Amino acid sequence: MFITLEGIEGAGKTSQIPNIKKFLLSRGFTLITTKEPGGSFLGKKIREILLDPENKKISPLSEMLLYQADRAHHVKDIIEPAIKAGKTVLCDRFTDATLAYQGFARNLDIDNIKMLNKLVTKKIVPDLTILFDLSPEIGLRRAWEQIDCGERSNKETRFEKENLLFHEKVRAGYLKILEFEPKRFRIVDASKNFDNVWNQIRSILLTYIKERGQNNFRNYT
């Protein structure tokens, strides 16, 4: 099974990963967790470039191609081998993030991004994508609170420093993608507190596993 988590800055995706991991392991899934950018050794180097606020002049096209370079290596070295081995992959951001951020928010051609996504992922598509949805005002406030108190690195704030309109476009982009692929997406109200959001996720996972059948995933290749 391949699960991805998506959402704007400060949506709370990363903080819920330990709960999701514990839940899936308790039900017998063999699991790896990863992220984009930065899920591989090479990806960590690319992540430093992409998220460094000093690199604010990166062009939208260069930014998108760096994400695709990260993804190509990530899929080849981490995601594809895990899936072929029958493992469940939990990934913090994937192709939908590039569509939302570089496509809808940066105004790059959506069809070109989709084409590159297919190329670098070898057409691997998540089985389930959980979208953490909330207003950009709340998300950015949370993100900066975490940065200011040291919970998040102040060396990875390039996107947090974008204006509010940019983040509104990202959110709108995610909701548009959801409209086109409603069967793959599940949405949670990420404006709620931590426990409430986890209960929403847990319900989604329980329902999804029940609908598809857990044994189906254990033999997934």
N, C-alpha and C. Protein backbone atom coordinates (compact mmCIF):
# COMPACT_ATOMS: atom_id res chain seq x y z
N MET A 1 0.85 -1.19 0.00
CA MET A 1 0.00 0.00 0.00
C MET A 1 0.88 1.24 0.00
N PHE A 2 0.49 2.22 -0.77
CA PHE A 2 1.23 3.46 -0.87
C PHE A 2 0.31 4.60 -0.43
N ILE A 3 0.64 5.22 0.72
CA ILE A 3 -0.17 6.29 1.29
C ILE A 3 0.64 7.58 1.26
N THR A 4 0.01 8.66 0.79
CA THR A 4 0.66 9.96 0.83
C THR A 4 -0.15 10.94 1.66
N LEU A 5 0.56 11.88 2.27
CA LEU A 5 -0.04 12.94 3.07
C LEU A 5 0.23 14.27 2.38
N GLU A 6 -0.80 15.08 2.22
CA GLU A 6 -0.65 16.36 1.53
C GLU A 6 -1.32 17.48 2.31
N GLY A 7 -0.90 18.70 2.04
CA GLY A 7 -1.50 19.86 2.69
C GLY A 7 -0.58 21.05 2.67
N ILE A 8 -1.11 22.21 3.00
CA ILE A 8 -0.33 23.44 3.00
C ILE A 8 0.63 23.48 4.20
N GLU A 9 1.44 24.53 4.26
CA GLU A 9 2.35 24.68 5.39
C GLU A 9 1.55 24.78 6.69
N GLY A 10 2.03 24.09 7.72
CA GLY A 10 1.39 24.14 9.03
C GLY A 10 0.13 23.31 9.16
N ALA A 11 -0.11 22.42 8.20
CA ALA A 11 -1.33 21.61 8.23
C ALA A 11 -1.26 20.49 9.27
N GLY A 12 -0.06 20.13 9.70
CA GLY A 12 0.08 19.12 10.74
C GLY A 12 0.32 17.72 10.24
N LYS A 13 0.70 17.56 8.98
CA LYS A 13 0.94 16.24 8.41
C LYS A 13 2.03 15.48 9.16
N THR A 14 3.18 16.14 9.27
CA THR A 14 4.36 15.47 9.82
C THR A 14 4.15 15.04 11.26
N SER A 15 3.45 15.85 12.03
CA SER A 15 3.24 15.52 13.45
C SER A 15 2.33 14.32 13.64
N GLN A 16 1.53 13.97 12.62
CA GLN A 16 0.64 12.82 12.73
C GLN A 16 1.28 11.52 12.26
N ILE A 17 2.45 11.59 11.65
CA ILE A 17 3.09 10.38 11.12
C ILE A 17 3.34 9.32 12.19
N PRO A 18 3.83 9.68 13.39
CA PRO A 18 4.03 8.63 14.41
C PRO A 18 2.74 7.88 14.75
N ASN A 19 1.60 8.58 14.82
CA ASN A 19 0.33 7.92 15.08
C ASN A 19 -0.05 6.97 13.96
N ILE A 20 0.11 7.44 12.73
CA ILE A 20 -0.23 6.61 11.56
C ILE A 20 0.67 5.37 11.52
N LYS A 21 1.95 5.59 11.75
CA LYS A 21 2.91 4.48 11.74
C LYS A 21 2.55 3.43 12.79
N LYS A 22 2.27 3.88 14.01
CA LYS A 22 1.91 2.96 15.09
C LYS A 22 0.64 2.19 14.75
N PHE A 23 -0.33 2.87 14.19
CA PHE A 23 -1.60 2.24 13.82
C PHE A 23 -1.39 1.14 12.78
N LEU A 24 -0.64 1.45 11.72
CA LEU A 24 -0.44 0.46 10.65
C LEU A 24 0.41 -0.72 11.11
N LEU A 25 1.44 -0.45 11.91
CA LEU A 25 2.27 -1.54 12.42
C LEU A 25 1.46 -2.47 13.32
N SER A 26 0.53 -1.91 14.08
CA SER A 26 -0.27 -2.72 14.99
C SER A 26 -1.21 -3.65 14.23
N ARG A 27 -1.44 -3.35 12.96
CA ARG A 27 -2.31 -4.19 12.14
C ARG A 27 -1.54 -5.06 11.17
N GLY A 28 -0.26 -5.20 11.42
CA GLY A 28 0.54 -6.18 10.70
C GLY A 28 1.18 -5.71 9.42
N PHE A 29 1.09 -4.42 9.12
CA PHE A 29 1.73 -3.91 7.91
C PHE A 29 3.22 -3.72 8.14
N THR A 30 4.02 -4.09 7.16
CA THR A 30 5.45 -3.79 7.16
C THR A 30 5.60 -2.42 6.51
N LEU A 31 6.17 -1.48 7.26
CA LEU A 31 6.04 -0.08 6.89
C LEU A 31 7.38 0.63 6.78
N ILE A 32 7.48 1.53 5.79
CA ILE A 32 8.56 2.51 5.77
C ILE A 32 7.93 3.89 5.66
N THR A 33 8.55 4.87 6.30
CA THR A 33 8.09 6.25 6.19
C THR A 33 9.16 7.07 5.48
N THR A 34 8.71 8.00 4.66
CA THR A 34 9.64 8.80 3.89
C THR A 34 9.00 10.15 3.59
N LYS A 35 9.69 10.99 2.83
CA LYS A 35 9.16 12.33 2.58
C LYS A 35 9.74 12.91 1.29
N GLU A 36 9.08 13.95 0.80
CA GLU A 36 9.60 14.74 -0.31
C GLU A 36 9.46 16.22 0.02
N PRO A 37 10.53 16.97 -0.28
CA PRO A 37 11.84 16.49 -0.72
C PRO A 37 12.65 15.96 0.46
N GLY A 38 13.68 15.16 0.15
CA GLY A 38 14.61 14.75 1.19
C GLY A 38 14.50 13.33 1.67
N GLY A 39 13.79 12.47 0.95
CA GLY A 39 13.63 11.10 1.40
C GLY A 39 14.82 10.21 1.12
N SER A 40 15.73 10.67 0.28
CA SER A 40 16.92 9.90 -0.06
C SER A 40 18.16 10.72 0.27
N PHE A 41 19.32 10.11 0.17
CA PHE A 41 20.58 10.83 0.46
C PHE A 41 20.73 12.03 -0.47
N LEU A 42 20.55 11.80 -1.76
CA LEU A 42 20.64 12.90 -2.72
C LEU A 42 19.53 13.91 -2.46
N GLY A 43 18.34 13.41 -2.11
CA GLY A 43 17.21 14.29 -1.86
C GLY A 43 17.45 15.26 -0.72
N LYS A 44 18.23 14.85 0.28
CA LYS A 44 18.52 15.74 1.40
C LYS A 44 19.30 16.96 0.92
N LYS A 45 20.19 16.76 -0.04
CA LYS A 45 20.95 17.87 -0.61
C LYS A 45 20.02 18.81 -1.39
N ILE A 46 19.12 18.21 -2.16
CA ILE A 46 18.18 19.01 -2.94
C ILE A 46 17.23 19.76 -2.01
N ARG A 47 16.82 19.12 -0.92
CA ARG A 47 15.93 19.76 0.05
C ARG A 47 16.57 21.04 0.62
N GLU A 48 17.87 20.96 0.92
CA GLU A 48 18.56 22.13 1.45
C GLU A 48 18.46 23.32 0.50
N ILE A 49 18.56 23.05 -0.78
CA ILE A 49 18.47 24.11 -1.79
C ILE A 49 17.05 24.66 -1.87
N LEU A 50 16.09 23.75 -1.95
CA LEU A 50 14.70 24.15 -2.18
C LEU A 50 14.08 24.92 -1.02
N LEU A 51 14.45 24.58 0.21
CA LEU A 51 13.78 25.17 1.37
C LEU A 51 14.57 26.29 2.03
N ASP A 52 15.78 26.52 1.58
CA ASP A 52 16.62 27.58 2.15
C ASP A 52 16.05 28.95 1.76
N PRO A 53 15.66 29.78 2.73
CA PRO A 53 15.09 31.09 2.40
C PRO A 53 16.05 32.01 1.65
N GLU A 54 17.35 31.71 1.69
CA GLU A 54 18.31 32.51 0.95
C GLU A 54 18.17 32.30 -0.56
N ASN A 55 17.51 31.21 -0.95
CA ASN A 55 17.35 30.89 -2.37
C ASN A 55 16.00 31.35 -2.92
N LYS A 56 15.56 32.51 -2.49
CA LYS A 56 14.23 32.99 -2.87
C LYS A 56 14.12 33.34 -4.35
N LYS A 57 15.24 33.46 -5.05
CA LYS A 57 15.20 33.84 -6.46
C LYS A 57 15.20 32.65 -7.41
N ILE A 58 15.08 31.45 -6.88
CA ILE A 58 14.95 30.28 -7.76
C ILE A 58 13.72 30.47 -8.66
N SER A 59 13.88 30.27 -9.95
CA SER A 59 12.74 30.44 -10.85
C SER A 59 11.74 29.30 -10.65
N PRO A 60 10.45 29.52 -10.95
CA PRO A 60 9.46 28.44 -10.81
C PRO A 60 9.84 27.18 -11.58
N LEU A 61 10.37 27.34 -12.78
CA LEU A 61 10.74 26.17 -13.57
C LEU A 61 11.90 25.42 -12.93
N SER A 62 12.92 26.14 -12.47
CA SER A 62 14.05 25.49 -11.80
C SER A 62 13.58 24.78 -10.54
N GLU A 63 12.70 25.43 -9.80
CA GLU A 63 12.15 24.84 -8.58
C GLU A 63 11.44 23.53 -8.89
N MET A 64 10.59 23.55 -9.91
CA MET A 64 9.84 22.34 -10.26
C MET A 64 10.76 21.22 -10.70
N LEU A 65 11.79 21.55 -11.48
CA LEU A 65 12.71 20.52 -11.96
C LEU A 65 13.55 19.94 -10.83
N LEU A 66 13.88 20.75 -9.84
CA LEU A 66 14.60 20.22 -8.67
C LEU A 66 13.73 19.23 -7.90
N TYR A 67 12.44 19.55 -7.76
CA TYR A 67 11.54 18.60 -7.12
C TYR A 67 11.45 17.31 -7.91
N GLN A 68 11.42 17.41 -9.23
CA GLN A 68 11.34 16.19 -10.04
C GLN A 68 12.62 15.38 -9.96
N ALA A 69 13.75 16.05 -9.87
CA ALA A 69 15.02 15.33 -9.71
C ALA A 69 15.04 14.58 -8.38
N ASP A 70 14.58 15.25 -7.33
CA ASP A 70 14.47 14.60 -6.03
C ASP A 70 13.56 13.38 -6.12
N ARG A 71 12.43 13.54 -6.80
CA ARG A 71 11.44 12.47 -6.88
C ARG A 71 11.95 11.28 -7.69
N ALA A 72 12.65 11.56 -8.79
CA ALA A 72 13.17 10.47 -9.62
C ALA A 72 14.09 9.56 -8.80
N HIS A 73 14.98 10.18 -8.03
CA HIS A 73 15.91 9.40 -7.21
C HIS A 73 15.16 8.72 -6.06
N HIS A 74 14.22 9.42 -5.48
CA HIS A 74 13.43 8.89 -4.36
C HIS A 74 12.65 7.65 -4.77
N VAL A 75 11.99 7.71 -5.92
CA VAL A 75 11.21 6.57 -6.41
C VAL A 75 12.13 5.39 -6.70
N LYS A 76 13.22 5.66 -7.39
CA LYS A 76 14.13 4.58 -7.79
C LYS A 76 14.77 3.89 -6.58
N ASP A 77 15.21 4.66 -5.60
CA ASP A 77 15.97 4.09 -4.49
C ASP A 77 15.13 3.68 -3.28
N ILE A 78 13.98 4.32 -3.07
CA ILE A 78 13.21 4.09 -1.85
C ILE A 78 11.82 3.51 -2.13
N ILE A 79 11.01 4.22 -2.89
CA ILE A 79 9.59 3.86 -3.02
C ILE A 79 9.38 2.60 -3.85
N GLU A 80 9.93 2.54 -5.04
CA GLU A 80 9.70 1.37 -5.90
C GLU A 80 10.22 0.08 -5.27
N PRO A 81 11.44 0.04 -4.71
CA PRO A 81 11.90 -1.20 -4.08
C PRO A 81 11.01 -1.64 -2.92
N ALA A 82 10.52 -0.67 -2.13
CA ALA A 82 9.67 -1.02 -1.00
C ALA A 82 8.35 -1.62 -1.46
N ILE A 83 7.75 -1.02 -2.46
CA ILE A 83 6.48 -1.53 -2.98
C ILE A 83 6.67 -2.93 -3.57
N LYS A 84 7.74 -3.12 -4.32
CA LYS A 84 8.00 -4.43 -4.91
C LYS A 84 8.25 -5.49 -3.84
N ALA A 85 8.75 -5.07 -2.68
CA ALA A 85 8.99 -5.99 -1.58
C ALA A 85 7.73 -6.24 -0.75
N GLY A 86 6.62 -5.63 -1.14
CA GLY A 86 5.36 -5.84 -0.44
C GLY A 86 5.19 -4.99 0.79
N LYS A 87 6.01 -3.95 0.93
CA LYS A 87 5.91 -3.07 2.10
C LYS A 87 4.89 -1.96 1.86
N THR A 88 4.39 -1.41 2.96
CA THR A 88 3.56 -0.23 2.89
C THR A 88 4.46 0.99 2.99
N VAL A 89 4.23 1.96 2.10
CA VAL A 89 5.02 3.19 2.08
C VAL A 89 4.13 4.35 2.52
N LEU A 90 4.58 5.09 3.53
CA LEU A 90 3.90 6.29 4.00
C LEU A 90 4.79 7.48 3.68
N CYS A 91 4.32 8.35 2.79
CA CYS A 91 5.16 9.43 2.29
C CYS A 91 4.54 10.80 2.56
N ASP A 92 5.33 11.66 3.18
CA ASP A 92 4.94 13.04 3.47
C ASP A 92 5.21 13.88 2.22
N ARG A 93 4.17 14.12 1.43
CA ARG A 93 4.16 14.82 0.13
C ARG A 93 4.64 13.90 -1.00
N PHE A 94 4.02 14.12 -2.17
CA PHE A 94 4.42 13.39 -3.38
C PHE A 94 4.02 14.24 -4.59
N THR A 95 3.57 13.64 -5.64
CA THR A 95 3.32 14.36 -6.89
C THR A 95 2.26 15.45 -6.78
N ASP A 96 1.27 15.26 -5.94
CA ASP A 96 0.21 16.27 -5.81
C ASP A 96 0.77 17.59 -5.31
N ALA A 97 1.82 17.55 -4.50
CA ALA A 97 2.42 18.78 -3.99
C ALA A 97 2.99 19.61 -5.14
N THR A 98 3.61 18.94 -6.12
CA THR A 98 4.18 19.67 -7.25
C THR A 98 3.08 20.31 -8.09
N LEU A 99 1.98 19.61 -8.26
CA LEU A 99 0.85 20.20 -8.99
C LEU A 99 0.29 21.41 -8.24
N ALA A 100 0.14 21.28 -6.93
CA ALA A 100 -0.45 22.37 -6.14
C ALA A 100 0.48 23.57 -6.04
N TYR A 101 1.74 23.33 -5.71
CA TYR A 101 2.68 24.43 -5.47
C TYR A 101 3.24 25.03 -6.76
N GLN A 102 3.80 24.18 -7.61
CA GLN A 102 4.43 24.72 -8.82
C GLN A 102 3.43 24.90 -9.97
N GLY A 103 2.38 24.11 -9.98
CA GLY A 103 1.37 24.25 -11.02
C GLY A 103 0.37 25.35 -10.71
N PHE A 104 -0.50 25.10 -9.74
CA PHE A 104 -1.57 26.04 -9.44
C PHE A 104 -1.07 27.34 -8.81
N ALA A 105 -0.05 27.28 -7.95
CA ALA A 105 0.42 28.49 -7.27
C ALA A 105 1.49 29.25 -8.07
N ARG A 106 2.39 28.52 -8.74
CA ARG A 106 3.46 29.16 -9.53
C ARG A 106 3.04 29.36 -10.99
N ASN A 107 1.90 28.81 -11.36
CA ASN A 107 1.35 28.99 -12.72
C ASN A 107 2.15 28.31 -13.82
N LEU A 108 2.85 27.23 -13.48
CA LEU A 108 3.49 26.42 -14.51
C LEU A 108 2.44 25.52 -15.16
N ASP A 109 2.74 25.06 -16.37
CA ASP A 109 1.77 24.27 -17.13
C ASP A 109 1.45 22.95 -16.43
N ILE A 110 0.19 22.75 -16.13
CA ILE A 110 -0.24 21.55 -15.40
C ILE A 110 0.03 20.28 -16.18
N ASP A 111 -0.23 20.29 -17.48
CA ASP A 111 -0.01 19.09 -18.29
C ASP A 111 1.46 18.71 -18.33
N ASN A 112 2.34 19.70 -18.40
CA ASN A 112 3.78 19.40 -18.40
C ASN A 112 4.20 18.77 -17.08
N ILE A 113 3.66 19.28 -15.97
CA ILE A 113 3.99 18.70 -14.66
C ILE A 113 3.48 17.27 -14.57
N LYS A 114 2.27 17.03 -15.04
CA LYS A 114 1.72 15.67 -15.02
C LYS A 114 2.58 14.72 -15.85
N MET A 115 3.04 15.20 -16.99
CA MET A 115 3.89 14.37 -17.84
C MET A 115 5.19 14.01 -17.13
N LEU A 116 5.82 15.00 -16.49
CA LEU A 116 7.06 14.74 -15.77
C LEU A 116 6.82 13.85 -14.55
N ASN A 117 5.69 14.05 -13.87
CA ASN A 117 5.35 13.18 -12.74
C ASN A 117 5.29 11.71 -13.18
N LYS A 118 4.63 11.46 -14.31
CA LYS A 118 4.54 10.09 -14.82
C LYS A 118 5.91 9.54 -15.17
N LEU A 119 6.75 10.39 -15.75
CA LEU A 119 8.08 9.95 -16.16
C LEU A 119 8.93 9.55 -14.97
N VAL A 120 9.00 10.41 -13.95
CA VAL A 120 9.92 10.15 -12.84
C VAL A 120 9.39 9.13 -11.84
N THR A 121 8.06 8.95 -11.79
CA THR A 121 7.49 7.98 -10.84
C THR A 121 7.32 6.60 -11.46
N LYS A 122 7.61 6.48 -12.75
CA LYS A 122 7.36 5.23 -13.47
C LYS A 122 5.88 4.85 -13.35
N LYS A 123 5.03 5.88 -13.31
CA LYS A 123 3.58 5.76 -13.24
C LYS A 123 3.08 5.17 -11.93
N ILE A 124 3.91 5.19 -10.89
CA ILE A 124 3.46 4.78 -9.56
C ILE A 124 2.53 5.85 -9.00
N VAL A 125 1.35 5.45 -8.56
CA VAL A 125 0.35 6.38 -8.03
C VAL A 125 -0.04 5.93 -6.63
N PRO A 126 -0.22 6.85 -5.70
CA PRO A 126 -0.64 6.44 -4.35
C PRO A 126 -1.98 5.70 -4.37
N ASP A 127 -2.12 4.73 -3.48
CA ASP A 127 -3.41 4.07 -3.29
C ASP A 127 -4.36 4.99 -2.55
N LEU A 128 -3.82 5.74 -1.60
CA LEU A 128 -4.62 6.61 -0.74
C LEU A 128 -3.85 7.88 -0.46
N THR A 129 -4.52 9.02 -0.63
CA THR A 129 -3.92 10.31 -0.29
C THR A 129 -4.82 11.01 0.72
N ILE A 130 -4.23 11.36 1.86
CA ILE A 130 -4.97 12.08 2.90
C ILE A 130 -4.60 13.55 2.81
N LEU A 131 -5.59 14.39 2.53
CA LEU A 131 -5.38 15.83 2.41
C LEU A 131 -5.75 16.53 3.71
N PHE A 132 -4.77 17.18 4.31
CA PHE A 132 -4.97 17.96 5.53
C PHE A 132 -5.38 19.37 5.10
N ASP A 133 -6.64 19.70 5.27
CA ASP A 133 -7.14 20.98 4.76
C ASP A 133 -7.42 21.96 5.89
N LEU A 134 -6.95 23.18 5.72
CA LEU A 134 -7.25 24.27 6.66
C LEU A 134 -6.91 25.58 5.98
N SER A 135 -7.32 26.68 6.57
CA SER A 135 -7.07 27.99 5.97
C SER A 135 -5.59 28.33 6.06
N PRO A 136 -5.05 29.03 5.06
CA PRO A 136 -3.64 29.43 5.11
C PRO A 136 -3.30 30.28 6.32
N GLU A 137 -4.24 31.11 6.76
CA GLU A 137 -3.96 31.95 7.93
C GLU A 137 -3.62 31.09 9.15
N ILE A 138 -4.43 30.05 9.39
CA ILE A 138 -4.18 29.16 10.52
C ILE A 138 -2.90 28.36 10.31
N GLY A 139 -2.71 27.84 9.10
CA GLY A 139 -1.53 27.04 8.82
C GLY A 139 -0.23 27.81 8.99
N LEU A 140 -0.18 29.03 8.45
CA LEU A 140 1.04 29.82 8.57
C LEU A 140 1.30 30.23 10.01
N ARG A 141 0.25 30.55 10.75
CA ARG A 141 0.44 30.90 12.15
C ARG A 141 1.04 29.73 12.92
N ARG A 142 0.51 28.53 12.69
CA ARG A 142 1.04 27.35 13.35
C ARG A 142 2.50 27.11 12.96
N ALA A 143 2.77 27.22 11.64
CA ALA A 143 4.12 26.97 11.15
C ALA A 143 5.13 27.90 11.80
N TRP A 144 4.80 29.18 11.88
CA TRP A 144 5.74 30.14 12.46
C TRP A 144 5.88 29.96 13.96
N GLU A 145 4.82 29.54 14.61
CA GLU A 145 4.93 29.24 16.04
C GLU A 145 5.91 28.10 16.27
N GLN A 146 5.84 27.07 15.41
CA GLN A 146 6.76 25.94 15.53
C GLN A 146 8.20 26.34 15.22
N ILE A 147 8.36 27.21 14.24
CA ILE A 147 9.69 27.69 13.88
C ILE A 147 10.27 28.54 15.01
N ASP A 148 9.46 29.43 15.54
CA ASP A 148 9.93 30.34 16.59
C ASP A 148 10.32 29.61 17.87
N CYS A 149 9.65 28.48 18.16
CA CYS A 149 9.97 27.76 19.39
C CYS A 149 10.99 26.63 19.16
N GLY A 150 11.47 26.52 17.92
CA GLY A 150 12.52 25.56 17.63
C GLY A 150 12.05 24.17 17.24
N GLU A 151 10.73 23.97 17.10
CA GLU A 151 10.23 22.65 16.70
C GLU A 151 10.50 22.37 15.22
N ARG A 152 10.64 23.44 14.44
CA ARG A 152 10.97 23.32 13.02
C ARG A 152 12.18 24.20 12.73
N SER A 153 12.96 23.80 11.72
CA SER A 153 14.18 24.51 11.39
C SER A 153 13.89 25.87 10.74
N ASN A 154 14.61 26.89 11.21
CA ASN A 154 14.47 28.20 10.55
C ASN A 154 15.29 28.27 9.27
N LYS A 155 15.98 27.17 8.94
CA LYS A 155 16.72 27.10 7.68
C LYS A 155 15.87 26.53 6.54
N GLU A 156 14.60 26.21 6.85
CA GLU A 156 13.70 25.63 5.84
C GLU A 156 12.40 26.43 5.75
N THR A 157 12.55 27.74 5.59
CA THR A 157 11.37 28.62 5.66
C THR A 157 11.08 29.36 4.35
N ARG A 158 11.61 28.87 3.25
CA ARG A 158 11.41 29.61 1.99
C ARG A 158 9.94 29.71 1.61
N PHE A 159 9.19 28.62 1.83
CA PHE A 159 7.77 28.66 1.46
C PHE A 159 6.93 29.39 2.51
N GLU A 160 7.30 29.27 3.78
CA GLU A 160 6.59 30.01 4.81
C GLU A 160 6.67 31.52 4.58
N LYS A 161 7.73 31.97 3.92
CA LYS A 161 7.92 33.40 3.68
C LYS A 161 7.20 33.90 2.43
N GLU A 162 6.52 33.00 1.72
CA GLU A 162 5.69 33.44 0.59
C GLU A 162 4.47 34.19 1.14
N ASN A 163 3.87 35.05 0.29
CA ASN A 163 2.72 35.83 0.75
C ASN A 163 1.47 34.96 0.88
N LEU A 164 0.46 35.52 1.53
CA LEU A 164 -0.76 34.76 1.80
C LEU A 164 -1.45 34.32 0.52
N LEU A 165 -1.43 35.14 -0.51
CA LEU A 165 -2.08 34.79 -1.78
C LEU A 165 -1.49 33.50 -2.35
N PHE A 166 -0.17 33.35 -2.25
CA PHE A 166 0.48 32.13 -2.74
C PHE A 166 -0.10 30.91 -2.04
N HIS A 167 -0.21 30.97 -0.73
CA HIS A 167 -0.71 29.82 0.04
C HIS A 167 -2.20 29.57 -0.23
N GLU A 168 -2.94 30.61 -0.50
CA GLU A 168 -4.35 30.43 -0.88
C GLU A 168 -4.45 29.70 -2.21
N LYS A 169 -3.54 30.00 -3.13
CA LYS A 169 -3.52 29.31 -4.42
C LYS A 169 -3.14 27.83 -4.25
N VAL A 170 -2.20 27.57 -3.33
CA VAL A 170 -1.82 26.18 -3.06
C VAL A 170 -3.01 25.40 -2.54
N ARG A 171 -3.70 25.97 -1.58
CA ARG A 171 -4.87 25.28 -1.02
C ARG A 171 -5.93 25.05 -2.09
N ALA A 172 -6.21 26.07 -2.89
CA ALA A 172 -7.19 25.93 -3.96
C ALA A 172 -6.76 24.86 -4.96
N GLY A 173 -5.44 24.78 -5.20
CA GLY A 173 -4.93 23.76 -6.11
C GLY A 173 -5.17 22.36 -5.59
N TYR A 174 -4.90 22.16 -4.31
CA TYR A 174 -5.16 20.85 -3.71
C TYR A 174 -6.64 20.47 -3.83
N LEU A 175 -7.52 21.41 -3.56
CA LEU A 175 -8.95 21.11 -3.62
C LEU A 175 -9.40 20.82 -5.05
N LYS A 176 -8.74 21.45 -6.02
CA LYS A 176 -9.06 21.16 -7.42
C LYS A 176 -8.59 19.76 -7.80
N ILE A 177 -7.40 19.37 -7.35
CA ILE A 177 -6.90 18.02 -7.62
C ILE A 177 -7.85 16.99 -7.02
N LEU A 178 -8.31 17.25 -5.82
CA LEU A 178 -9.25 16.35 -5.15
C LEU A 178 -10.52 16.16 -5.97
N GLU A 179 -10.99 17.23 -6.60
CA GLU A 179 -12.19 17.13 -7.44
C GLU A 179 -11.98 16.16 -8.59
N PHE A 180 -10.78 16.15 -9.15
CA PHE A 180 -10.49 15.28 -10.29
C PHE A 180 -10.24 13.83 -9.89
N GLU A 181 -9.81 13.60 -8.65
CA GLU A 181 -9.51 12.23 -8.20
C GLU A 181 -10.16 11.94 -6.85
N PRO A 182 -11.47 12.00 -6.76
CA PRO A 182 -12.14 11.82 -5.47
C PRO A 182 -11.98 10.43 -4.87
N LYS A 183 -11.75 9.41 -5.71
CA LYS A 183 -11.63 8.06 -5.19
C LYS A 183 -10.33 7.85 -4.43
N ARG A 184 -9.30 8.56 -4.82
CA ARG A 184 -7.99 8.40 -4.16
C ARG A 184 -7.87 9.24 -2.91
N PHE A 185 -8.54 10.36 -2.87
CA PHE A 185 -8.37 11.32 -1.78
C PHE A 185 -9.36 11.10 -0.64
N ARG A 186 -8.86 11.38 0.57
CA ARG A 186 -9.71 11.54 1.75
C ARG A 186 -9.28 12.85 2.40
N ILE A 187 -10.22 13.61 2.89
CA ILE A 187 -9.91 14.93 3.44
C ILE A 187 -10.17 14.96 4.94
N VAL A 188 -9.28 15.63 5.67
CA VAL A 188 -9.48 15.83 7.10
C VAL A 188 -9.51 17.33 7.38
N ASP A 189 -10.28 17.71 8.37
CA ASP A 189 -10.34 19.10 8.80
C ASP A 189 -9.16 19.34 9.73
N ALA A 190 -8.07 19.88 9.16
CA ALA A 190 -6.84 20.04 9.92
C ALA A 190 -6.85 21.27 10.81
N SER A 191 -7.95 22.01 10.82
CA SER A 191 -8.05 23.16 11.72
C SER A 191 -8.35 22.73 13.16
N LYS A 192 -8.77 21.47 13.31
CA LYS A 192 -9.11 20.95 14.64
C LYS A 192 -7.84 20.65 15.44
N ASN A 193 -8.02 20.30 16.73
CA ASN A 193 -6.85 20.01 17.55
C ASN A 193 -6.23 18.66 17.17
N PHE A 194 -5.07 18.38 17.71
CA PHE A 194 -4.28 17.21 17.33
C PHE A 194 -5.07 15.92 17.47
N ASP A 195 -5.72 15.71 18.61
CA ASP A 195 -6.45 14.47 18.86
C ASP A 195 -7.63 14.32 17.92
N ASN A 196 -8.33 15.41 17.64
CA ASN A 196 -9.46 15.37 16.73
C ASN A 196 -9.00 14.98 15.32
N VAL A 197 -7.90 15.58 14.88
CA VAL A 197 -7.37 15.26 13.55
C VAL A 197 -6.96 13.79 13.49
N TRP A 198 -6.31 13.29 14.56
CA TRP A 198 -5.92 11.88 14.56
C TRP A 198 -7.15 10.98 14.48
N ASN A 199 -8.20 11.30 15.20
CA ASN A 199 -9.42 10.49 15.14
C ASN A 199 -10.00 10.46 13.73
N GLN A 200 -9.93 11.57 13.03
CA GLN A 200 -10.39 11.60 11.64
C GLN A 200 -9.53 10.67 10.77
N ILE A 201 -8.21 10.75 10.95
CA ILE A 201 -7.30 9.90 10.17
C ILE A 201 -7.53 8.43 10.48
N ARG A 202 -7.65 8.12 11.74
CA ARG A 202 -7.86 6.74 12.16
C ARG A 202 -9.12 6.17 11.53
N SER A 203 -10.18 6.96 11.51
CA SER A 203 -11.43 6.52 10.89
C SER A 203 -11.25 6.27 9.40
N ILE A 204 -10.51 7.15 8.74
CA ILE A 204 -10.23 6.99 7.32
C ILE A 204 -9.48 5.69 7.06
N LEU A 205 -8.44 5.44 7.84
CA LEU A 205 -7.63 4.24 7.65
C LEU A 205 -8.42 2.97 7.92
N LEU A 206 -9.21 2.97 9.00
CA LEU A 206 -10.02 1.80 9.32
C LEU A 206 -10.99 1.48 8.19
N THR A 207 -11.65 2.51 7.70
CA THR A 207 -12.63 2.32 6.62
C THR A 207 -11.94 1.85 5.35
N TYR A 208 -10.81 2.45 5.03
CA TYR A 208 -10.10 2.11 3.79
C TYR A 208 -9.60 0.68 3.81
N ILE A 209 -9.00 0.29 4.93
CA ILE A 209 -8.51 -1.09 5.05
C ILE A 209 -9.65 -2.08 4.95
N LYS A 210 -10.77 -1.77 5.58
CA LYS A 210 -11.93 -2.65 5.55
C LYS A 210 -12.49 -2.77 4.14
N GLU A 211 -12.56 -1.65 3.43
CA GLU A 211 -13.12 -1.65 2.08
C GLU A 211 -12.25 -2.44 1.10
N ARG A 212 -10.94 -2.27 1.21
CA ARG A 212 -10.04 -2.91 0.25
C ARG A 212 -9.59 -4.30 0.67
N GLY A 213 -9.60 -4.55 1.98
CA GLY A 213 -9.15 -5.86 2.47
C GLY A 213 -7.67 -5.82 2.79
N GLN A 214 -7.32 -6.02 4.05
CA GLN A 214 -5.93 -5.92 4.49
C GLN A 214 -5.02 -6.90 3.75
N ASN A 215 -5.48 -8.11 3.49
CA ASN A 215 -4.64 -9.09 2.84
C ASN A 215 -4.26 -8.68 1.44
N ASN A 216 -5.11 -7.85 0.82
CA ASN A 216 -4.83 -7.36 -0.52
C ASN A 216 -3.53 -6.57 -0.52
N PHE A 217 -3.26 -5.82 0.54
CA PHE A 217 -2.08 -4.98 0.59
C PHE A 217 -0.84 -5.77 0.97
N ARG A 218 -1.00 -6.79 1.76
CA ARG A 218 0.17 -7.57 2.17
C ARG A 218 0.82 -8.26 0.97
N ASN A 219 0.03 -8.46 -0.10
CA ASN A 219 0.57 -9.09 -1.29
C ASN A 219 0.78 -8.07 -2.43
N TYR A 220 0.76 -6.79 -2.07
CA TYR A 220 0.83 -5.74 -3.08
C TYR A 220 2.23 -5.69 -3.71
N THR A 221 2.28 -5.71 -5.04
CA THR A 221 3.54 -5.58 -5.76
C THR A 221 3.38 -4.62 -6.91
